[in-house]
């Protein structure tokens, strides 16, 4: 697990809460997506983005996401989430968030997201800003 986490420059940790488990006695699938969302925001902050999204400028918007569930997390545990960019395109970048179990020292889920630059003042998507490309290149080796 430690070796796999070296691919990620932004890493966050979340304590599994008892109430996050569902009737199947494992963490509910939606919680993994919330952890990925929080890790994504931490990545944006590492990029220097204003994550308040106030003022109508250009900011990120989620275009799509998926999640492959590999191993069920349960209470007590800690989810360790690594976030990185795995692909850049003209009008978006693709992120990956890998979720690991600290107790079991193995991957629990992997999520991918398409992040689209969006002009919140004009209500339309825009091209990938040059500043974002530079910052992504500093954070990740693509």
C-alpha atoms as a PDB file:
ATOM      1  CA  UNK A   1       0.000   0.000   0.000  1.00  0.00           C
ATOM      2  CA  UNK A   2       2.756   2.471   0.900  1.00  0.00           C
ATOM      3  CA  UNK A   3       4.419   1.902  -2.472  1.00  0.00           C
ATOM      4  CA  UNK A   4       1.147   2.407  -4.350  1.00  0.00           C
ATOM      5  CA  UNK A   5       0.446   5.653  -2.460  1.00  0.00           C
ATOM      6  CA  UNK A   6       3.721   7.153  -3.730  1.00  0.00           C
ATOM      7  CA  UNK A   7       1.936   7.839  -7.054  1.00  0.00           C
ATOM      8  CA  UNK A   8      -0.282  10.391  -5.298  1.00  0.00           C
ATOM      9  CA  UNK A   9       0.999  13.824  -4.263  1.00  0.00           C
ATOM     10  CA  UNK A  10      -2.262  14.700  -2.481  1.00  0.00           C
ATOM     11  CA  UNK A  11      -3.306  12.257   0.236  1.00  0.00           C
ATOM     12  CA  UNK A  12      -6.172  12.658   2.698  1.00  0.00           C
ATOM     13  CA  UNK A  13      -7.373  10.424   5.530  1.00  0.00           C
ATOM     14  CA  UNK A  14     -10.882   9.862   6.860  1.00  0.00           C
ATOM     15  CA  UNK A  15     -11.883   7.883   9.944  1.00  0.00           C
ATOM     16  CA  UNK A  16     -14.644   5.416   9.147  1.00  0.00           C
ATOM     17  CA  UNK A  17     -17.674   6.292  11.267  1.00  0.00           C
ATOM     18  CA  UNK A  18     -20.050   3.649  12.613  1.00  0.00           C
ATOM     19  CA  UNK A  19     -23.003   5.403  10.962  1.00  0.00           C
ATOM     20  CA  UNK A  20     -21.377   5.179   7.516  1.00  0.00           C
ATOM     21  CA  UNK A  21     -22.062   1.445   7.402  1.00  0.00           C
ATOM     22  CA  UNK A  22     -25.270   0.183   5.828  1.00  0.00           C
ATOM     23  CA  UNK A  23     -27.473  -2.889   6.372  1.00  0.00           C
ATOM     24  CA  UNK A  24     -24.801  -5.049   4.704  1.00  0.00           C
ATOM     25  CA  UNK A  25     -22.429  -4.011   7.566  1.00  0.00           C
ATOM     26  CA  UNK A  26     -19.878  -2.270   5.359  1.00  0.00           C
ATOM     27  CA  UNK A  27     -19.366   1.361   4.397  1.00  0.00           C
ATOM     28  CA  UNK A  28     -22.153   2.490   2.074  1.00  0.00           C
ATOM     29  CA  UNK A  29     -21.107   3.022  -1.560  1.00  0.00           C
ATOM     30  CA  UNK A  30     -22.018   6.722  -1.471  1.00  0.00           C
ATOM     31  CA  UNK A  31     -19.468   7.353   1.285  1.00  0.00           C
ATOM     32  CA  UNK A  32     -16.622   6.328  -1.045  1.00  0.00           C
ATOM     33  CA  UNK A  33     -17.806   9.011  -3.486  1.00  0.00           C
ATOM     34  CA  UNK A  34     -17.867  11.600  -0.688  1.00  0.00           C
ATOM     35  CA  UNK A  35     -14.292  10.681   0.270  1.00  0.00           C
ATOM     36  CA  UNK A  36     -13.281  11.033  -3.398  1.00  0.00           C
ATOM     37  CA  UNK A  37     -15.044  14.409  -3.502  1.00  0.00           C
ATOM     38  CA  UNK A  38     -13.199  15.641  -0.399  1.00  0.00           C
ATOM     39  CA  UNK A  39      -9.877  14.400  -1.779  1.00  0.00           C
ATOM     40  CA  UNK A  40     -10.670  16.155  -5.073  1.00  0.00           C
ATOM     41  CA  UNK A  41     -11.237  19.445  -3.215  1.00  0.00           C
ATOM     42  CA  UNK A  42      -7.916  18.955  -1.374  1.00  0.00           C
ATOM     43  CA  UNK A  43      -6.284  18.461  -4.798  1.00  0.00           C
ATOM     44  CA  UNK A  44      -7.892  21.670  -6.094  1.00  0.00           C
ATOM     45  CA  UNK A  45      -6.596  23.515  -3.023  1.00  0.00           C
ATOM     46  CA  UNK A  46      -3.105  22.106  -3.686  1.00  0.00           C
ATOM     47  CA  UNK A  47      -3.479  23.577  -7.191  1.00  0.00           C
ATOM     48  CA  UNK A  48      -4.149  26.963  -5.574  1.00  0.00           C
ATOM     49  CA  UNK A  49      -7.781  27.101  -6.699  1.00  0.00           C
ATOM     50  CA  UNK A  50     -10.363  29.149  -4.831  1.00  0.00           C
ATOM     51  CA  UNK A  51     -12.673  26.331  -3.757  1.00  0.00           C
ATOM     52  CA  UNK A  52     -15.391  28.703  -2.522  1.00  0.00           C
ATOM     53  CA  UNK A  53     -16.429  29.152  -6.198  1.00  0.00           C
ATOM     54  CA  UNK A  54     -17.691  32.646  -5.418  1.00  0.00           C
ATOM     55  CA  UNK A  55     -17.437  35.562  -7.805  1.00  0.00           C
ATOM     56  CA  UNK A  56     -18.421  33.940 -11.090  1.00  0.00           C
ATOM     57  CA  UNK A  57     -14.939  33.122 -12.409  1.00  0.00           C
ATOM     58  CA  UNK A  58     -13.632  29.919 -13.932  1.00  0.00           C
ATOM     59  CA  UNK A  59     -13.611  26.917 -11.651  1.00  0.00           C
ATOM     60  CA  UNK A  60     -13.899  23.150 -11.827  1.00  0.00           C
ATOM     61  CA  UNK A  61     -17.165  21.292 -12.254  1.00  0.00           C
ATOM     62  CA  UNK A  62     -17.619  17.528 -12.119  1.00  0.00           C
ATOM     63  CA  UNK A  63     -18.555  16.120 -15.532  1.00  0.00           C
ATOM     64  CA  UNK A  64     -18.798  12.441 -14.531  1.00  0.00           C
ATOM     65  CA  UNK A  65     -17.417   9.974 -12.056  1.00  0.00           C
ATOM     66  CA  UNK A  66     -17.268   6.254 -11.562  1.00  0.00           C
ATOM     67  CA  UNK A  67     -16.161   4.007  -8.766  1.00  0.00           C
ATOM     68  CA  UNK A  68     -14.948   0.429  -8.738  1.00  0.00           C
ATOM     69  CA  UNK A  69     -15.498  -1.181  -5.342  1.00  0.00           C
ATOM     70  CA  UNK A  70     -12.784  -3.709  -4.575  1.00  0.00           C
ATOM     71  CA  UNK A  71     -12.781  -4.401  -0.821  1.00  0.00           C
ATOM     72  CA  UNK A  72     -15.463  -3.496   1.768  1.00  0.00           C
ATOM     73  CA  UNK A  73     -14.413  -1.045   4.466  1.00  0.00           C
ATOM     74  CA  UNK A  74     -15.950  -1.407   7.920  1.00  0.00           C
ATOM     75  CA  UNK A  75     -15.800   0.344  11.276  1.00  0.00           C
ATOM     76  CA  UNK A  76     -13.245   0.820  12.759  1.00  0.00           C
ATOM     77  CA  UNK A  77     -10.810   1.749  10.002  1.00  0.00           C
ATOM     78  CA  UNK A  78      -9.278   4.750   8.291  1.00  0.00           C
ATOM     79  CA  UNK A  79      -9.705   5.420   4.605  1.00  0.00           C
ATOM     80  CA  UNK A  80      -6.541   6.777   2.987  1.00  0.00           C
ATOM     81  CA  UNK A  81      -7.357   8.538  -0.283  1.00  0.00           C
ATOM     82  CA  UNK A  82      -4.774   9.458  -2.888  1.00  0.00           C
ATOM     83  CA  UNK A  83      -5.741  11.967  -5.613  1.00  0.00           C
ATOM     84  CA  UNK A  84      -3.957  12.700  -8.882  1.00  0.00           C
ATOM     85  CA  UNK A  85      -4.519  13.714 -12.479  1.00  0.00           C
ATOM     86  CA  UNK A  86      -4.063  10.871 -14.940  1.00  0.00           C
ATOM     87  CA  UNK A  87      -4.938  12.632 -18.202  1.00  0.00           C
ATOM     88  CA  UNK A  88      -5.225  16.165 -19.589  1.00  0.00           C
ATOM     89  CA  UNK A  89      -7.380  17.138 -22.577  1.00  0.00           C
ATOM     90  CA  UNK A  90      -8.139  20.490 -24.211  1.00  0.00           C
ATOM     91  CA  UNK A  91     -11.334  21.017 -22.245  1.00  0.00           C
ATOM     92  CA  UNK A  92     -10.983  18.818 -19.137  1.00  0.00           C
ATOM     93  CA  UNK A  93      -8.711  16.708 -17.005  1.00  0.00           C
ATOM     94  CA  UNK A  94      -9.269  13.225 -15.659  1.00  0.00           C
ATOM     95  CA  UNK A  95      -8.570  12.528 -12.006  1.00  0.00           C
ATOM     96  CA  UNK A  96      -8.122   9.286 -10.131  1.00  0.00           C
ATOM     97  CA  UNK A  97      -8.815   8.800  -6.439  1.00  0.00           C
ATOM     98  CA  UNK A  98      -7.625   5.544  -4.896  1.00  0.00           C
ATOM     99  CA  UNK A  99      -9.130   4.610  -1.535  1.00  0.00           C
ATOM    100  CA  UNK A 100      -7.125   2.336   0.748  1.00  0.00           C
ATOM    101  CA  UNK A 101      -7.902   0.609   4.034  1.00  0.00           C
ATOM    102  CA  UNK A 102      -5.336   1.524   6.684  1.00  0.00           C
ATOM    103  CA  UNK A 103      -6.289  -1.504   8.807  1.00  0.00           C
ATOM    104  CA  UNK A 104      -6.037  -4.031   5.989  1.00  0.00           C
ATOM    105  CA  UNK A 105      -3.286  -2.223   4.049  1.00  0.00           C
ATOM    106  CA  UNK A 106      -4.992  -2.763   0.711  1.00  0.00           C
ATOM    107  CA  UNK A 107      -6.994  -0.917  -1.909  1.00  0.00           C
ATOM    108  CA  UNK A 108     -10.720  -0.686  -1.236  1.00  0.00           C
ATOM    109  CA  UNK A 109     -11.956   1.316  -4.236  1.00  0.00           C
ATOM    110  CA  UNK A 110     -10.800   3.385  -7.166  1.00  0.00           C
ATOM    111  CA  UNK A 111     -12.729   6.303  -8.604  1.00  0.00           C
ATOM    112  CA  UNK A 112     -12.168   8.359 -11.742  1.00  0.00           C
ATOM    113  CA  UNK A 113     -13.620  11.794 -12.428  1.00  0.00           C
ATOM    114  CA  UNK A 114     -13.786  14.141 -15.395  1.00  0.00           C
ATOM    115  CA  UNK A 115     -13.159  17.728 -14.253  1.00  0.00           C
ATOM    116  CA  UNK A 116     -14.357  20.415 -16.638  1.00  0.00           C
ATOM    117  CA  UNK A 117     -13.324  24.088 -16.430  1.00  0.00           C
ATOM    118  CA  UNK A 118     -16.560  26.039 -16.103  1.00  0.00           C
ATOM    119  CA  UNK A 119     -17.178  29.771 -16.227  1.00  0.00           C
ATOM    120  CA  UNK A 120     -19.649  30.274 -13.397  1.00  0.00           C
ATOM    121  CA  UNK A 121     -20.416  33.862 -14.477  1.00  0.00           C
ATOM    122  CA  UNK A 122     -21.256  32.937 -18.070  1.00  0.00           C
ATOM    123  CA  UNK A 123     -22.676  29.472 -17.285  1.00  0.00           C
ATOM    124  CA  UNK A 124     -20.574  27.627 -19.859  1.00  0.00           C
ATOM    125  CA  UNK A 125     -17.572  25.356 -20.067  1.00  0.00           C
ATOM    126  CA  UNK A 126     -14.249  26.747 -21.248  1.00  0.00           C
ATOM    127  CA  UNK A 127     -10.900  25.342 -22.351  1.00  0.00           C
ATOM    128  CA  UNK A 128      -8.434  23.999 -19.818  1.00  0.00           C
ATOM    129  CA  UNK A 129      -6.695  27.106 -18.394  1.00  0.00           C
ATOM    130  CA  UNK A 130      -2.936  27.252 -18.954  1.00  0.00           C
ATOM    131  CA  UNK A 131      -2.408  27.940 -15.235  1.00  0.00           C
ATOM    132  CA  UNK A 132      -4.200  24.702 -14.378  1.00  0.00           C
ATOM    133  CA  UNK A 133      -2.018  22.740 -16.799  1.00  0.00           C
ATOM    134  CA  UNK A 134       1.144  24.188 -15.238  1.00  0.00           C
ATOM    135  CA  UNK A 135      -0.035  23.401 -11.715  1.00  0.00           C
ATOM    136  CA  UNK A 136      -1.131  19.875 -12.608  1.00  0.00           C
ATOM    137  CA  UNK A 137       2.286  19.290 -14.184  1.00  0.00           C
ATOM    138  CA  UNK A 138       3.924  20.417 -10.925  1.00  0.00           C
ATOM    139  CA  UNK A 139       1.711  18.141  -8.833  1.00  0.00           C
ATOM    140  CA  UNK A 140       1.741  15.043 -11.006  1.00  0.00           C
ATOM    141  CA  UNK A 141       3.957  13.382 -13.558  1.00  0.00           C
ATOM    142  CA  UNK A 142       1.755  12.584 -16.516  1.00  0.00           C
END
